[in-house]
PDB file of all heavy atoms in Angstrom:
ATOM      1  N   ASP A   1      46.265  -7.301 -20.724  1.00  0.00           N
ATOM      2  CA  ASP A   1      46.330  -8.535 -19.786  1.00  0.00           C
ATOM      3  C   ASP A   1      46.738  -7.902 -18.483  1.00  0.00           C
ATOM      4  O   ASP A   1      46.195  -8.381 -17.449  1.00  0.00           O
ATOM      5  CB  ASP A   1      47.541  -9.454 -20.311  1.00  0.00           C
ATOM      6  CG  ASP A   1      47.092 -10.247 -21.501  1.00  0.00           C
ATOM      7  OD1 ASP A   1      45.791 -10.282 -21.778  1.00  0.00           O
ATOM      8  OD2 ASP A   1      47.914 -10.852 -22.093  1.00  0.00           O
ATOM      9  N   ARG A   2      47.670  -6.904 -18.306  1.00  0.00           N
ATOM     10  CA  ARG A   2      47.980  -6.352 -17.012  1.00  0.00           C
ATOM     11  C   ARG A   2      46.838  -5.725 -16.289  1.00  0.00           C
ATOM     12  O   ARG A   2      46.745  -5.646 -15.067  1.00  0.00           O
ATOM     13  CB  ARG A   2      49.096  -5.324 -17.182  1.00  0.00           C
ATOM     14  CG  ARG A   2      50.464  -5.878 -17.325  1.00  0.00           C
ATOM     15  CD  ARG A   2      51.562  -4.775 -17.076  1.00  0.00           C
ATOM     16  NE  ARG A   2      51.342  -3.512 -17.887  1.00  0.00           N
ATOM     17  CZ  ARG A   2      51.877  -3.322 -19.091  1.00  0.00           C
ATOM     18  NH1 ARG A   2      52.603  -4.275 -19.707  1.00  0.00           N
ATOM     19  NH2 ARG A   2      51.683  -2.174 -19.722  1.00  0.00           N
ATOM     20  N   LEU A   3      45.873  -5.240 -17.064  1.00  0.00           N
ATOM     21  CA  LEU A   3      44.612  -4.617 -16.525  1.00  0.00           C
ATOM     22  C   LEU A   3      43.698  -5.636 -15.955  1.00  0.00           C
ATOM     23  O   LEU A   3      42.789  -5.367 -15.176  1.00  0.00           O
ATOM     24  CB  LEU A   3      43.860  -3.817 -17.556  1.00  0.00           C
ATOM     25  CG  LEU A   3      44.527  -2.555 -18.118  1.00  0.00           C
ATOM     26  CD1 LEU A   3      43.593  -1.945 -19.182  1.00  0.00           C
ATOM     27  CD2 LEU A   3      44.746  -1.610 -16.949  1.00  0.00           C
ATOM     28  N   GLY A   4      43.990  -6.882 -16.288  1.00  0.00           N
ATOM     29  CA  GLY A   4      43.057  -8.080 -15.846  1.00  0.00           C
ATOM     30  C   GLY A   4      41.955  -8.289 -16.815  1.00  0.00           C
ATOM     31  O   GLY A   4      41.020  -9.078 -16.504  1.00  0.00           O
ATOM     32  N   ALA A   5      41.993  -7.800 -18.026  1.00  0.00           N
ATOM     33  CA  ALA A   5      41.001  -8.016 -19.112  1.00  0.00           C
ATOM     34  C   ALA A   5      41.186  -9.452 -19.671  1.00  0.00           C
ATOM     35  O   ALA A   5      42.211 -10.044 -19.504  1.00  0.00           O
ATOM     36  CB  ALA A   5      41.188  -6.992 -20.197  1.00  0.00           C
ATOM     37  N   THR A   6      40.086 -10.040 -20.106  1.00  0.00           N
ATOM     38  CA  THR A   6      40.132 -11.413 -20.661  1.00  0.00           C
ATOM     39  C   THR A   6      40.028 -11.301 -22.182  1.00  0.00           C
ATOM     40  O   THR A   6      39.179 -10.598 -22.767  1.00  0.00           O
ATOM     41  CB  THR A   6      38.870 -12.165 -20.187  1.00  0.00           C
ATOM     42  OG1 THR A   6      38.887 -12.184 -18.684  1.00  0.00           O
ATOM     43  CG2 THR A   6      38.835 -13.570 -20.728  1.00  0.00           C
ATOM     44  N   GLY A   7      41.045 -11.904 -22.861  1.00  0.00           N
ATOM     45  CA  GLY A   7      41.054 -11.898 -24.281  1.00  0.00           C
ATOM     46  C   GLY A   7      40.250 -13.107 -24.823  1.00  0.00           C
ATOM     47  O   GLY A   7      40.237 -14.194 -24.254  1.00  0.00           O
ATOM     48  N   PHE A   8      39.554 -12.932 -25.991  1.00  0.00           N
ATOM     49  CA  PHE A   8      38.838 -13.953 -26.711  1.00  0.00           C
ATOM     50  C   PHE A   8      39.342 -14.075 -28.072  1.00  0.00           C
ATOM     51  O   PHE A   8      39.395 -13.068 -28.765  1.00  0.00           O
ATOM     52  CB  PHE A   8      37.298 -13.692 -26.671  1.00  0.00           C
ATOM     53  CG  PHE A   8      36.728 -13.561 -25.266  1.00  0.00           C
ATOM     54  CD1 PHE A   8      36.532 -12.380 -24.666  1.00  0.00           C
ATOM     55  CD2 PHE A   8      36.343 -14.729 -24.588  1.00  0.00           C
ATOM     56  CE1 PHE A   8      36.092 -12.200 -23.434  1.00  0.00           C
ATOM     57  CE2 PHE A   8      35.841 -14.634 -23.308  1.00  0.00           C
ATOM     58  CZ  PHE A   8      35.672 -13.436 -22.722  1.00  0.00           C
ATOM     59  N   PRO A   9      39.581 -15.308 -28.542  1.00  0.00           N
ATOM     60  CA  PRO A   9      40.025 -15.404 -29.930  1.00  0.00           C
ATOM     61  C   PRO A   9      38.782 -15.205 -30.836  1.00  0.00           C
ATOM     62  O   PRO A   9      37.840 -15.901 -30.746  1.00  0.00           O
ATOM     63  CB  PRO A   9      40.519 -16.810 -30.117  1.00  0.00           C
ATOM     64  CG  PRO A   9      39.805 -17.580 -28.916  1.00  0.00           C
ATOM     65  CD  PRO A   9      39.512 -16.570 -27.918  1.00  0.00           C
ATOM     66  N   LYS A  10      38.919 -14.205 -31.761  1.00  0.00           N
ATOM     67  CA  LYS A  10      37.815 -13.909 -32.648  1.00  0.00           C
ATOM     68  C   LYS A  10      38.504 -12.971 -33.736  1.00  0.00           C
ATOM     69  O   LYS A  10      39.356 -12.325 -33.488  1.00  0.00           O
ATOM     70  CB  LYS A  10      36.777 -13.151 -31.947  1.00  0.00           C
ATOM     71  CG  LYS A  10      35.388 -13.284 -32.634  1.00  0.00           C
ATOM     72  CD  LYS A  10      34.272 -12.746 -31.643  1.00  0.00           C
ATOM     73  CE  LYS A  10      33.058 -13.590 -31.899  1.00  0.00           C
ATOM     74  NZ  LYS A  10      31.946 -13.061 -31.118  1.00  0.00           N
ATOM     75  N   ARG A  11      37.849 -13.123 -34.918  1.00  0.00           N
ATOM     76  CA  ARG A  11      38.331 -12.313 -36.067  1.00  0.00           C
ATOM     77  C   ARG A  11      37.276 -11.357 -36.471  1.00  0.00           C
ATOM     78  O   ARG A  11      36.067 -11.638 -36.472  1.00  0.00           O
ATOM     79  CB  ARG A  11      38.621 -13.237 -37.180  1.00  0.00           C
ATOM     80  CG  ARG A  11      39.346 -12.468 -38.354  1.00  0.00           C
ATOM     81  CD  ARG A  11      39.674 -13.478 -39.435  1.00  0.00           C
ATOM     82  NE  ARG A  11      40.706 -14.304 -38.817  1.00  0.00           N
ATOM     83  CZ  ARG A  11      41.799 -14.689 -39.528  1.00  0.00           C
ATOM     84  NH1 ARG A  11      42.006 -14.234 -40.764  1.00  0.00           N
ATOM     85  NH2 ARG A  11      42.744 -15.439 -38.985  1.00  0.00           N
ATOM     86  N   ARG A  12      37.688 -10.146 -36.677  1.00  0.00           N
ATOM     87  CA  ARG A  12      36.725  -9.073 -37.089  1.00  0.00           C
ATOM     88  C   ARG A  12      36.624  -8.993 -38.516  1.00  0.00           C
ATOM     89  O   ARG A  12      37.578  -8.965 -39.290  1.00  0.00           O
ATOM     90  CB  ARG A  12      37.165  -7.755 -36.501  1.00  0.00           C
ATOM     91  CG  ARG A  12      36.215  -6.583 -36.776  1.00  0.00           C
ATOM     92  CD  ARG A  12      36.712  -5.283 -36.213  1.00  0.00           C
ATOM     93  NE  ARG A  12      35.706  -4.251 -36.371  1.00  0.00           N
ATOM     94  CZ  ARG A  12      35.705  -3.068 -35.816  1.00  0.00           C
ATOM     95  NH1 ARG A  12      36.698  -2.809 -34.929  1.00  0.00           N
ATOM     96  NH2 ARG A  12      34.770  -2.145 -36.023  1.00  0.00           N
ATOM     97  N   TYR A  13      35.372  -8.913 -39.028  1.00  0.00           N
ATOM     98  CA  TYR A  13      35.072  -8.777 -40.478  1.00  0.00           C
ATOM     99  C   TYR A  13      34.408  -7.425 -40.719  1.00  0.00           C
ATOM    100  O   TYR A  13      33.674  -6.920 -39.874  1.00  0.00           O
ATOM    101  CB  TYR A  13      34.185  -9.927 -40.938  1.00  0.00           C
ATOM    102  CG  TYR A  13      34.958 -11.217 -40.991  1.00  0.00           C
ATOM    103  CD1 TYR A  13      34.948 -12.038 -40.004  1.00  0.00           C
ATOM    104  CD2 TYR A  13      35.605 -11.624 -42.248  1.00  0.00           C
ATOM    105  CE1 TYR A  13      35.733 -13.229 -39.986  1.00  0.00           C
ATOM    106  CE2 TYR A  13      36.340 -12.812 -42.356  1.00  0.00           C
ATOM    107  CZ  TYR A  13      36.319 -13.663 -41.151  1.00  0.00           C
ATOM    108  OH  TYR A  13      37.009 -14.848 -41.185  1.00  0.00           O
ATOM    109  N   ALA A  14      34.488  -7.021 -41.964  1.00  0.00           N
ATOM    110  CA  ALA A  14      33.697  -5.819 -42.455  1.00  0.00           C
ATOM    111  C   ALA A  14      33.237  -6.133 -43.851  1.00  0.00           C
ATOM    112  O   ALA A  14      33.981  -6.762 -44.619  1.00  0.00           O
ATOM    113  CB  ALA A  14      34.645  -4.597 -42.468  1.00  0.00           C
ATOM    114  N   LEU A  15      32.023  -5.777 -44.138  1.00  0.00           N
ATOM    115  CA  LEU A  15      31.485  -5.997 -45.527  1.00  0.00           C
ATOM    116  C   LEU A  15      30.939  -4.613 -45.984  1.00  0.00           C
ATOM    117  O   LEU A  15      30.040  -4.005 -45.289  1.00  0.00           O
ATOM    118  CB  LEU A  15      30.261  -6.997 -45.403  1.00  0.00           C
ATOM    119  CG  LEU A  15      29.618  -7.371 -46.663  1.00  0.00           C
ATOM    120  CD1 LEU A  15      30.537  -7.958 -47.647  1.00  0.00           C
ATOM    121  CD2 LEU A  15      28.383  -8.246 -46.415  1.00  0.00           C
ATOM    122  N   THR A  16      31.390  -4.161 -47.122  1.00  0.00           N
ATOM    123  CA  THR A  16      30.926  -2.907 -47.601  1.00  0.00           C
ATOM    124  C   THR A  16      29.608  -3.171 -48.295  1.00  0.00           C
ATOM    125  O   THR A  16      29.426  -4.074 -49.024  1.00  0.00           O
ATOM    126  CB  THR A  16      31.955  -2.396 -48.745  1.00  0.00           C
ATOM    127  OG1 THR A  16      33.221  -2.182 -48.082  1.00  0.00           O
ATOM    128  CG2 THR A  16      31.505  -1.074 -49.347  1.00  0.00           C
ATOM    129  N   VAL A  17      28.650  -2.185 -47.921  1.00  0.00           N
ATOM    130  CA  VAL A  17      27.324  -2.285 -48.395  1.00  0.00           C
ATOM    131  C   VAL A  17      27.190  -1.186 -49.413  1.00  0.00           C
ATOM    132  O   VAL A  17      27.304   0.064 -49.082  1.00  0.00           O
ATOM    133  CB  VAL A  17      26.314  -2.083 -47.325  1.00  0.00           C
ATOM    134  CG1 VAL A  17      24.982  -2.145 -47.910  1.00  0.00           C
ATOM    135  CG2 VAL A  17      26.466  -3.218 -46.295  1.00  0.00           C
ATOM    136  N   GLU A  18      27.047  -1.502 -50.771  1.00  0.00           N
ATOM    137  CA  GLU A  18      26.927  -0.503 -51.788  1.00  0.00           C
ATOM    138  C   GLU A  18      25.495   0.195 -51.685  1.00  0.00           C
ATOM    139  O   GLU A  18      24.535  -0.513 -51.347  1.00  0.00           O
ATOM    140  CB  GLU A  18      27.056  -1.175 -53.177  1.00  0.00           C
ATOM    141  CG  GLU A  18      28.434  -1.793 -53.405  1.00  0.00           C
ATOM    142  CD  GLU A  18      29.643  -0.800 -53.264  1.00  0.00           C
ATOM    143  OE1 GLU A  18      29.465   0.330 -53.593  1.00  0.00           O
ATOM    144  OE2 GLU A  18      30.667  -1.274 -52.830  1.00  0.00           O
ATOM    145  N   PRO A  19      25.427   1.443 -52.034  1.00  0.00           N
ATOM    146  CA  PRO A  19      24.130   2.074 -52.073  1.00  0.00           C
ATOM    147  C   PRO A  19      23.181   1.426 -52.917  1.00  0.00           C
ATOM    148  O   PRO A  19      23.617   0.925 -54.001  1.00  0.00           O
ATOM    149  CB  PRO A  19      24.465   3.552 -52.498  1.00  0.00           C
ATOM    150  CG  PRO A  19      25.861   3.666 -52.741  1.00  0.00           C
ATOM    151  CD  PRO A  19      26.463   2.361 -52.470  1.00  0.00           C
ATOM    152  N   ALA A  20      21.967   1.547 -52.767  1.00  0.00           N
ATOM    153  CA  ALA A  20      20.904   0.942 -53.586  1.00  0.00           C
ATOM    154  C   ALA A  20      20.908   1.800 -54.904  1.00  0.00           C
ATOM    155  O   ALA A  20      21.055   2.942 -54.814  1.00  0.00           O
ATOM    156  CB  ALA A  20      19.471   0.994 -52.920  1.00  0.00           C
ATOM    157  N   PRO A  21      20.684   1.043 -55.986  1.00  0.00           N
ATOM    158  CA  PRO A  21      20.641   1.786 -57.259  1.00  0.00           C
ATOM    159  C   PRO A  21      19.495   2.808 -57.222  1.00  0.00           C
ATOM    160  O   PRO A  21      18.367   2.611 -56.585  1.00  0.00           O
ATOM    161  CB  PRO A  21      20.442   0.776 -58.322  1.00  0.00           C
ATOM    162  CG  PRO A  21      19.991  -0.473 -57.586  1.00  0.00           C
ATOM    163  CD  PRO A  21      20.379  -0.310 -56.100  1.00  0.00           C
ATOM    164  N   ALA A  22      19.689   3.964 -57.864  1.00  0.00           N
ATOM    165  CA  ALA A  22      18.574   4.986 -57.971  1.00  0.00           C
ATOM    166  C   ALA A  22      17.572   4.414 -58.815  1.00  0.00           C
ATOM    167  O   ALA A  22      17.775   3.714 -59.757  1.00  0.00           O
ATOM    168  CB  ALA A  22      19.200   6.249 -58.633  1.00  0.00           C
ATOM    169  N   PRO A  23      16.303   4.709 -58.420  1.00  0.00           N
ATOM    170  CA  PRO A  23      15.195   4.281 -59.190  1.00  0.00           C
ATOM    171  C   PRO A  23      15.163   4.796 -60.621  1.00  0.00           C
ATOM    172  O   PRO A  23      15.393   6.066 -60.645  1.00  0.00           O
ATOM    173  CB  PRO A  23      13.960   4.750 -58.307  1.00  0.00           C
ATOM    174  CG  PRO A  23      14.492   5.733 -57.282  1.00  0.00           C
ATOM    175  CD  PRO A  23      15.940   5.469 -57.217  1.00  0.00           C
ATOM    176  N   GLY A  24      14.993   4.022 -61.507  1.00  0.00           N
ATOM    177  CA  GLY A  24      14.923   4.439 -62.853  1.00  0.00           C
ATOM    178  C   GLY A  24      13.442   4.666 -63.269  1.00  0.00           C
ATOM    179  O   GLY A  24      12.524   4.623 -62.512  1.00  0.00           O
ATOM    180  N   PRO A  25      13.313   5.013 -64.587  1.00  0.00           N
ATOM    181  CA  PRO A  25      11.960   5.138 -65.111  1.00  0.00           C
ATOM    182  C   PRO A  25      11.114   3.960 -64.962  1.00  0.00           C
ATOM    183  O   PRO A  25      11.629   2.830 -65.072  1.00  0.00           O
ATOM    184  CB  PRO A  25      12.174   5.576 -66.601  1.00  0.00           C
ATOM    185  CG  PRO A  25      13.601   5.136 -66.941  1.00  0.00           C
ATOM    186  CD  PRO A  25      14.346   5.069 -65.617  1.00  0.00           C
ATOM    187  N   ALA A  26       9.928   4.069 -64.649  1.00  0.00           N
ATOM    188  CA  ALA A  26       9.038   2.910 -64.483  1.00  0.00           C
ATOM    189  C   ALA A  26       8.807   2.262 -65.828  1.00  0.00           C
ATOM    190  O   ALA A  26       8.310   2.807 -66.691  1.00  0.00           O
ATOM    191  CB  ALA A  26       7.696   3.314 -63.819  1.00  0.00           C
ATOM    192  N   SER A  27       9.284   1.036 -65.974  1.00  0.00           N
ATOM    193  CA  SER A  27       9.032   0.310 -67.161  1.00  0.00           C
ATOM    194  C   SER A  27       9.002  -1.242 -66.805  1.00  0.00           C
ATOM    195  O   SER A  27       9.869  -1.680 -66.042  1.00  0.00           O
ATOM    196  CB  SER A  27      10.106   0.554 -68.152  1.00  0.00           C
ATOM    197  OG  SER A  27      11.338   0.131 -67.689  1.00  0.00           O
ATOM    198  N   ALA A  28       8.014  -1.839 -67.296  1.00  0.00           N
ATOM    199  CA  ALA A  28       7.825  -3.254 -66.945  1.00  0.00           C
ATOM    200  C   ALA A  28       8.320  -4.050 -68.168  1.00  0.00           C
ATOM    201  O   ALA A  28       8.095  -3.660 -69.294  1.00  0.00           O
ATOM    202  CB  ALA A  28       6.375  -3.578 -66.708  1.00  0.00           C
TER     203      ALA A  28
END
């Protein structure tokens, strides 16, 4: 605030992204 910056009300979120599963044997 002393620097003259403007604050904005906002909340920060994070979402963990799991790695894609390893491709398995081709089977239908």
